[in-house]
């Protein structure tokens, strides 16, 4: 996984819902969060961008950083 800058909605806690992120010098808007869960390290979100690309965004609470992993295109094998 690589580091990313993430813009997120923060209601009662930080990083409640990612809205957009910048990765590899390109900004991407989050169209939908398809899955979210908590690990001992922090929060994880599987998201789909406006372009139909799927990513895994993880917030590492202790390090206070976000990482991203590209999962492919929504609906592709």
PDB file of N, CA and C in Angstrom:
ATOM      1  N   UNK A   1       0.829  -1.186   0.000  1.00  0.00           N
ATOM      2  CA  UNK A   1       0.000   0.000   0.000  1.00  0.00           C
ATOM      3  C   UNK A   1       0.872   1.246   0.000  1.00  0.00           C
ATOM      4  N   UNK A   2       0.355   2.282  -0.631  1.00  0.00           N
ATOM      5  CA  UNK A   2       1.076   3.547  -0.717  1.00  0.00           C
ATOM      6  C   UNK A   2       0.319   4.629   0.044  1.00  0.00           C
ATOM      7  N   UNK A   3       1.039   5.661   0.415  1.00  0.00           N
ATOM      8  CA  UNK A   3       0.420   6.774   1.156  1.00  0.00           C
ATOM      9  C   UNK A   3      -0.478   7.600   0.245  1.00  0.00           C
ATOM     10  N   UNK A   4      -1.499   8.196   0.866  1.00  0.00           N
ATOM     11  CA  UNK A   4      -2.441   9.052   0.142  1.00  0.00           C
ATOM     12  C   UNK A   4      -2.886  10.180   1.053  1.00  0.00           C
ATOM     13  N   UNK A   5      -3.328  11.271   0.436  1.00  0.00           N
ATOM     14  CA  UNK A   5      -3.963  12.368   1.160  1.00  0.00           C
ATOM     15  C   UNK A   5      -5.463  12.172   0.998  1.00  0.00           C
ATOM     16  N   UNK A   6      -6.192  12.110   2.114  1.00  0.00           N
ATOM     17  CA  UNK A   6      -7.619  11.817   2.061  1.00  0.00           C
ATOM     18  C   UNK A   6      -8.424  12.953   2.674  1.00  0.00           C
ATOM     19  N   UNK A   7      -9.450  13.379   1.952  1.00  0.00           N
ATOM     20  CA  UNK A   7     -10.426  14.344   2.464  1.00  0.00           C
ATOM     21  C   UNK A   7     -11.605  13.510   2.945  1.00  0.00           C
ATOM     22  N   UNK A   8     -12.004  13.714   4.186  1.00  0.00           N
ATOM     23  CA  UNK A   8     -13.080  12.882   4.711  1.00  0.00           C
ATOM     24  C   UNK A   8     -14.058  13.689   5.558  1.00  0.00           C
ATOM     25  N   UNK A   9     -15.256  13.137   5.653  1.00  0.00           N
ATOM     26  CA  UNK A   9     -16.254  13.682   6.561  1.00  0.00           C
ATOM     27  C   UNK A   9     -15.880  13.221   7.960  1.00  0.00           C
ATOM     28  N   UNK A  10     -15.895  14.120   8.894  1.00  0.00           N
ATOM     29  CA  UNK A  10     -15.609  13.786  10.284  1.00  0.00           C
ATOM     30  C   UNK A  10     -16.722  14.344  11.148  1.00  0.00           C
ATOM     31  N   UNK A  11     -17.582  13.476  11.623  1.00  0.00           N
ATOM     32  CA  UNK A  11     -18.686  13.873  12.494  1.00  0.00           C
ATOM     33  C   UNK A  11     -18.251  13.772  13.941  1.00  0.00           C
ATOM     34  N   UNK A  12     -18.639  12.713  14.583  1.00  0.00           N
ATOM     35  CA  UNK A  12     -18.273  12.525  15.986  1.00  0.00           C
ATOM     36  C   UNK A  12     -16.871  11.957  16.149  1.00  0.00           C
ATOM     37  N   UNK A  13     -16.262  11.485  15.045  1.00  0.00           N
ATOM     38  CA  UNK A  13     -14.880  11.003  15.102  1.00  0.00           C
ATOM     39  C   UNK A  13     -14.181  11.351  13.795  1.00  0.00           C
ATOM     40  N   UNK A  14     -12.851  11.386  13.820  1.00  0.00           N
ATOM     41  CA  UNK A  14     -12.077  11.698  12.625  1.00  0.00           C
ATOM     42  C   UNK A  14     -12.168  10.542  11.622  1.00  0.00           C
ATOM     43  N   UNK A  15     -12.210  10.882  10.365  1.00  0.00           N
ATOM     44  CA  UNK A  15     -12.145   9.882   9.309  1.00  0.00           C
ATOM     45  C   UNK A  15     -13.385   9.028   9.186  1.00  0.00           C
ATOM     46  N   UNK A  16     -14.528   9.610   9.499  1.00  0.00           N
ATOM     47  CA  UNK A  16     -15.766   8.841   9.510  1.00  0.00           C
ATOM     48  C   UNK A  16     -16.144   8.305   8.126  1.00  0.00           C
ATOM     49  N   UNK A  17     -15.880   9.083   7.072  1.00  0.00           N
ATOM     50  CA  UNK A  17     -16.265   8.677   5.717  1.00  0.00           C
ATOM     51  C   UNK A  17     -15.392   9.406   4.699  1.00  0.00           C
ATOM     52  N   UNK A  18     -14.607   8.691   3.892  1.00  0.00           N
ATOM     53  CA  UNK A  18     -13.790   9.366   2.877  1.00  0.00           C
ATOM     54  C   UNK A  18     -14.650   9.957   1.766  1.00  0.00           C
ATOM     55  N   UNK A  19     -14.287  11.176   1.337  1.00  0.00           N
ATOM     56  CA  UNK A  19     -15.012  11.864   0.263  1.00  0.00           C
ATOM     57  C   UNK A  19     -14.183  11.967  -1.013  1.00  0.00           C
ATOM     58  N   UNK A  20     -12.871  12.127  -0.851  1.00  0.00           N
ATOM     59  CA  UNK A  20     -11.965  12.267  -1.987  1.00  0.00           C
ATOM     60  C   UNK A  20     -10.564  11.929  -1.505  1.00  0.00           C
ATOM     61  N   UNK A  21      -9.675  11.629  -2.458  1.00  0.00           N
ATOM     62  CA  UNK A  21      -8.281  11.389  -2.086  1.00  0.00           C
ATOM     63  C   UNK A  21      -7.372  11.707  -3.260  1.00  0.00           C
ATOM     64  N   UNK A  22      -6.129  12.016  -2.915  1.00  0.00           N
ATOM     65  CA  UNK A  22      -5.105  12.283  -3.915  1.00  0.00           C
ATOM     66  C   UNK A  22      -4.056  11.196  -3.782  1.00  0.00           C
ATOM     67  N   UNK A  23      -3.774  10.557  -4.906  1.00  0.00           N
ATOM     68  CA  UNK A  23      -2.825   9.455  -4.935  1.00  0.00           C
ATOM     69  C   UNK A  23      -2.096   9.488  -6.266  1.00  0.00           C
ATOM     70  N   UNK A  24      -0.798   9.329  -6.244  1.00  0.00           N
ATOM     71  CA  UNK A  24       0.055   9.378  -7.432  1.00  0.00           C
ATOM     72  C   UNK A  24      -0.169  10.676  -8.213  1.00  0.00           C
ATOM     73  N   UNK A  25      -0.356  11.774  -7.477  1.00  0.00           N
ATOM     74  CA  UNK A  25      -0.486  13.092  -8.079  1.00  0.00           C
ATOM     75  C   UNK A  25      -1.830  13.385  -8.729  1.00  0.00           C
ATOM     76  N   UNK A  26      -2.803  12.498  -8.546  1.00  0.00           N
ATOM     77  CA  UNK A  26      -4.114  12.706  -9.164  1.00  0.00           C
ATOM     78  C   UNK A  26      -5.219  12.657  -8.125  1.00  0.00           C
ATOM     79  N   UNK A  27      -6.113  13.645  -8.191  1.00  0.00           N
ATOM     80  CA  UNK A  27      -7.247  13.694  -7.264  1.00  0.00           C
ATOM     81  C   UNK A  27      -8.362  12.790  -7.775  1.00  0.00           C
ATOM     82  N   UNK A  28      -9.005  12.082  -6.844  1.00  0.00           N
ATOM     83  CA  UNK A  28     -10.118  11.199  -7.173  1.00  0.00           C
ATOM     84  C   UNK A  28     -11.260  11.464  -6.210  1.00  0.00           C
ATOM     85  N   UNK A  29     -12.471  11.537  -6.716  1.00  0.00           N
ATOM     86  CA  UNK A  29     -13.669  11.739  -5.905  1.00  0.00           C
ATOM     87  C   UNK A  29     -14.289  10.390  -5.587  1.00  0.00           C
ATOM     88  N   UNK A  30     -14.681  10.191  -4.343  1.00  0.00           N
ATOM     89  CA  UNK A  30     -15.320   8.943  -3.922  1.00  0.00           C
ATOM     90  C   UNK A  30     -16.810   9.036  -4.236  1.00  0.00           C
ATOM     91  N   UNK A  31     -17.286   8.132  -5.083  1.00  0.00           N
ATOM     92  CA  UNK A  31     -18.712   8.071  -5.412  1.00  0.00           C
ATOM     93  C   UNK A  31     -19.471   7.271  -4.358  1.00  0.00           C
ATOM     94  N   UNK A  32     -18.855   6.163  -3.888  1.00  0.00           N
ATOM     95  CA  UNK A  32     -19.536   5.306  -2.916  1.00  0.00           C
ATOM     96  C   UNK A  32     -18.531   4.560  -2.041  1.00  0.00           C
ATOM     97  N   UNK A  33     -18.908   4.364  -0.799  1.00  0.00           N
ATOM     98  CA  UNK A  33     -18.177   3.472   0.102  1.00  0.00           C
ATOM     99  C   UNK A  33     -18.945   2.157   0.074  1.00  0.00           C
ATOM    100  N   UNK A  34     -18.316   1.099  -0.418  1.00  0.00           N
ATOM    101  CA  UNK A  34     -19.013  -0.178  -0.560  1.00  0.00           C
ATOM    102  C   UNK A  34     -18.834  -1.096   0.646  1.00  0.00           C
ATOM    103  N   UNK A  35     -17.825  -0.801   1.447  1.00  0.00           N
ATOM    104  CA  UNK A  35     -17.568  -1.613   2.640  1.00  0.00           C
ATOM    105  C   UNK A  35     -16.696  -0.804   3.588  1.00  0.00           C
ATOM    106  N   UNK A  36     -16.943  -0.973   4.878  1.00  0.00           N
ATOM    107  CA  UNK A  36     -16.068  -0.335   5.878  1.00  0.00           C
ATOM    108  C   UNK A  36     -15.951  -1.245   7.087  1.00  0.00           C
ATOM    109  N   UNK A  37     -14.792  -1.199   7.717  1.00  0.00           N
ATOM    110  CA  UNK A  37     -14.549  -2.027   8.893  1.00  0.00           C
ATOM    111  C   UNK A  37     -13.422  -1.434   9.721  1.00  0.00           C
ATOM    112  N   UNK A  38     -13.299  -1.917  10.928  1.00  0.00           N
ATOM    113  CA  UNK A  38     -12.259  -1.476  11.852  1.00  0.00           C
ATOM    114  C   UNK A  38     -11.306  -2.637  12.102  1.00  0.00           C
ATOM    115  N   UNK A  39     -10.017  -2.324  12.097  1.00  0.00           N
ATOM    116  CA  UNK A  39      -8.981  -3.286  12.452  1.00  0.00           C
ATOM    117  C   UNK A  39      -8.310  -2.773  13.725  1.00  0.00           C
ATOM    118  N   UNK A  40      -7.446  -3.556  14.327  1.00  0.00           N
ATOM    119  CA  UNK A  40      -6.720  -3.031  15.497  1.00  0.00           C
ATOM    120  C   UNK A  40      -5.881  -1.787  15.168  1.00  0.00           C
ATOM    121  N   UNK A  41      -5.483  -1.628  13.895  1.00  0.00           N
ATOM    122  CA  UNK A  41      -4.659  -0.480  13.496  1.00  0.00           C
ATOM    123  C   UNK A  41      -5.487   0.763  13.176  1.00  0.00           C
ATOM    124  N   UNK A  42      -6.754   0.571  12.814  1.00  0.00           N
ATOM    125  CA  UNK A  42      -7.572   1.733  12.461  1.00  0.00           C
ATOM    126  C   UNK A  42      -8.742   1.377  11.568  1.00  0.00           C
ATOM    127  N   UNK A  43      -9.140   2.347  10.742  1.00  0.00           N
ATOM    128  CA  UNK A  43     -10.318   2.209   9.889  1.00  0.00           C
ATOM    129  C   UNK A  43      -9.926   1.825   8.470  1.00  0.00           C
ATOM    130  N   UNK A  44     -10.784   1.025   7.825  1.00  0.00           N
ATOM    131  CA  UNK A  44     -10.568   0.637   6.431  1.00  0.00           C
ATOM    132  C   UNK A  44     -11.856   0.826   5.654  1.00  0.00           C
ATOM    133  N   UNK A  45     -11.706   1.273   4.402  1.00  0.00           N
ATOM    134  CA  UNK A  45     -12.854   1.528   3.535  1.00  0.00           C
ATOM    135  C   UNK A  45     -12.565   1.002   2.141  1.00  0.00           C
ATOM    136  N   UNK A  46     -13.509   0.271   1.578  1.00  0.00           N
ATOM    137  CA  UNK A  46     -13.449  -0.074   0.168  1.00  0.00           C
ATOM    138  C   UNK A  46     -14.343   0.934  -0.534  1.00  0.00           C
ATOM    139  N   UNK A  47     -13.787   1.637  -1.531  1.00  0.00           N
ATOM    140  CA  UNK A  47     -14.518   2.726  -2.178  1.00  0.00           C
ATOM    141  C   UNK A  47     -14.513   2.569  -3.691  1.00  0.00           C
ATOM    142  N   UNK A  48     -15.481   3.225  -4.325  1.00  0.00           N
ATOM    143  CA  UNK A  48     -15.554   3.331  -5.786  1.00  0.00           C
ATOM    144  C   UNK A  48     -15.497   4.814  -6.116  1.00  0.00           C
ATOM    145  N   UNK A  49     -14.647   5.174  -7.077  1.00  0.00           N
ATOM    146  CA  UNK A  49     -14.512   6.574  -7.489  1.00  0.00           C
ATOM    147  C   UNK A  49     -15.532   6.919  -8.568  1.00  0.00           C
ATOM    148  N   UNK A  50     -15.617   8.201  -8.898  1.00  0.00           N
ATOM    149  CA  UNK A  50     -16.492   8.659  -9.978  1.00  0.00           C
ATOM    150  C   UNK A  50     -16.140   8.003 -11.311  1.00  0.00           C
ATOM    151  N   UNK A  51     -14.892   7.581 -11.478  1.00  0.00           N
ATOM    152  CA  UNK A  51     -14.445   6.934 -12.716  1.00  0.00           C
ATOM    153  C   UNK A  51     -14.712   5.430 -12.716  1.00  0.00           C
ATOM    154  N   UNK A  52     -15.285   4.900 -11.634  1.00  0.00           N
ATOM    155  CA  UNK A  52     -15.585   3.473 -11.551  1.00  0.00           C
ATOM    156  C   UNK A  52     -14.434   2.611 -11.064  1.00  0.00           C
ATOM    157  N   UNK A  53     -13.387   3.232 -10.542  1.00  0.00           N
ATOM    158  CA  UNK A  53     -12.232   2.496 -10.027  1.00  0.00           C
ATOM    159  C   UNK A  53     -12.456   2.161  -8.552  1.00  0.00           C
ATOM    160  N   UNK A  54     -12.012   0.966  -8.146  1.00  0.00           N
ATOM    161  CA  UNK A  54     -12.139   0.546  -6.748  1.00  0.00           C
ATOM    162  C   UNK A  54     -10.796   0.647  -6.042  1.00  0.00           C
ATOM    163  N   UNK A  55     -10.854   1.121  -4.782  1.00  0.00           N
ATOM    164  CA  UNK A  55      -9.650   1.275  -3.969  1.00  0.00           C
ATOM    165  C   UNK A  55      -9.935   0.842  -2.540  1.00  0.00           C
ATOM    166  N   UNK A  56      -8.877   0.484  -1.863  1.00  0.00           N
ATOM    167  CA  UNK A  56      -8.924   0.231  -0.434  1.00  0.00           C
ATOM    168  C   UNK A  56      -8.187   1.382   0.242  1.00  0.00           C
ATOM    169  N   UNK A  57      -8.888   2.114   1.104  1.00  0.00           N
ATOM    170  CA  UNK A  57      -8.293   3.210   1.870  1.00  0.00           C
ATOM    171  C   UNK A  57      -8.229   2.791   3.330  1.00  0.00           C
ATOM    172  N   UNK A  58      -7.052   2.912   3.936  1.00  0.00           N
ATOM    173  CA  UNK A  58      -6.867   2.530   5.341  1.00  0.00           C
ATOM    174  C   UNK A  58      -6.286   3.700   6.112  1.00  0.00           C
ATOM    175  N   UNK A  59      -6.886   3.985   7.249  1.00  0.00           N
ATOM    176  CA  UNK A  59      -6.366   5.026   8.133  1.00  0.00           C
ATOM    177  C   UNK A  59      -5.651   4.349   9.289  1.00  0.00           C
ATOM    178  N   UNK A  60      -4.363   4.586   9.390  1.00  0.00           N
ATOM    179  CA  UNK A  60      -3.519   4.017  10.438  1.00  0.00           C
ATOM    180  C   UNK A  60      -3.485   5.032  11.582  1.00  0.00           C
ATOM    181  N   UNK A  61      -4.281   4.781  12.601  1.00  0.00           N
ATOM    182  CA  UNK A  61      -4.489   5.758  13.673  1.00  0.00           C
ATOM    183  C   UNK A  61      -3.215   6.135  14.408  1.00  0.00           C
ATOM    184  N   UNK A  62      -2.410   5.171  14.791  1.00  0.00           N
ATOM    185  CA  UNK A  62      -1.202   5.463  15.572  1.00  0.00           C
ATOM    186  C   UNK A  62      -0.226   6.341  14.787  1.00  0.00           C
ATOM    187  N   UNK A  63      -0.096   6.098  13.493  1.00  0.00           N
ATOM    188  CA  UNK A  63       0.819   6.876  12.648  1.00  0.00           C
ATOM    189  C   UNK A  63       0.156   8.121  12.077  1.00  0.00           C
ATOM    190  N   UNK A  64      -1.183   8.232  12.191  1.00  0.00           N
ATOM    191  CA  UNK A  64      -1.953   9.343  11.654  1.00  0.00           C
ATOM    192  C   UNK A  64      -1.691   9.519  10.163  1.00  0.00           C
ATOM    193  N   UNK A  65      -1.839   8.410   9.406  1.00  0.00           N
ATOM    194  CA  UNK A  65      -1.665   8.486   7.965  1.00  0.00           C
ATOM    195  C   UNK A  65      -2.633   7.545   7.254  1.00  0.00           C
ATOM    196  N   UNK A  66      -2.887   7.885   5.998  1.00  0.00           N
ATOM    197  CA  UNK A  66      -3.760   7.101   5.137  1.00  0.00           C
ATOM    198  C   UNK A  66      -2.917   6.361   4.118  1.00  0.00           C
ATOM    199  N   UNK A  67      -3.354   5.149   3.784  1.00  0.00           N
ATOM    200  CA  UNK A  67      -2.724   4.406   2.698  1.00  0.00           C
ATOM    201  C   UNK A  67      -3.802   3.995   1.712  1.00  0.00           C
ATOM    202  N   UNK A  68      -3.368   3.718   0.478  1.00  0.00           N
ATOM    203  CA  UNK A  68      -4.304   3.341  -0.582  1.00  0.00           C
ATOM    204  C   UNK A  68      -3.765   2.136  -1.342  1.00  0.00           C
ATOM    205  N   UNK A  69      -4.687   1.293  -1.781  1.00  0.00           N
ATOM    206  CA  UNK A  69      -4.345   0.156  -2.640  1.00  0.00           C
ATOM    207  C   UNK A  69      -5.384   0.114  -3.743  1.00  0.00           C
ATOM    208  N   UNK A  70      -4.912   0.078  -4.975  1.00  0.00           N
ATOM    209  CA  UNK A  70      -5.823   0.010  -6.129  1.00  0.00           C
ATOM    210  C   UNK A  70      -6.347  -1.412  -6.261  1.00  0.00           C
ATOM    211  N   UNK A  71      -7.664  -1.539  -6.396  1.00  0.00           N
ATOM    212  CA  UNK A  71      -8.284  -2.863  -6.528  1.00  0.00           C
ATOM    213  C   UNK A  71      -8.758  -3.154  -7.940  1.00  0.00           C
ATOM    214  N   UNK A  72      -8.837  -2.163  -8.801  1.00  0.00           N
ATOM    215  CA  UNK A  72      -9.276  -2.366 -10.187  1.00  0.00           C
ATOM    216  C   UNK A  72     -10.516  -1.553 -10.492  1.00  0.00           C
ATOM    217  N   UNK A  73     -11.220  -1.955 -11.548  1.00  0.00           N
ATOM    218  CA  UNK A  73     -12.441  -1.284 -11.958  1.00  0.00           C
ATOM    219  C   UNK A  73     -13.640  -2.039 -11.436  1.00  0.00           C
ATOM    220  N   UNK A  74     -14.664  -1.315 -11.028  1.00  0.00           N
ATOM    221  CA  UNK A  74     -15.909  -1.911 -10.514  1.00  0.00           C
ATOM    222  C   UNK A  74     -16.515  -2.784 -11.609  1.00  0.00           C
ATOM    223  N   UNK A  75     -16.741  -4.055 -11.279  1.00  0.00           N
ATOM    224  CA  UNK A  75     -17.368  -4.975 -12.214  1.00  0.00           C
ATOM    225  C   UNK A  75     -16.408  -5.680 -13.142  1.00  0.00           C
ATOM    226  N   UNK A  76     -15.110  -5.401 -13.064  1.00  0.00           N
ATOM    227  CA  UNK A  76     -14.146  -6.094 -13.939  1.00  0.00           C
ATOM    228  C   UNK A  76     -13.616  -7.321 -13.226  1.00  0.00           C
ATOM    229  N   UNK A  77     -13.207  -8.353 -13.976  1.00  0.00           N
ATOM    230  CA  UNK A  77     -12.724  -9.601 -13.349  1.00  0.00           C
ATOM    231  C   UNK A  77     -11.426  -9.430 -12.599  1.00  0.00           C
TER     232      UNK A  77
END
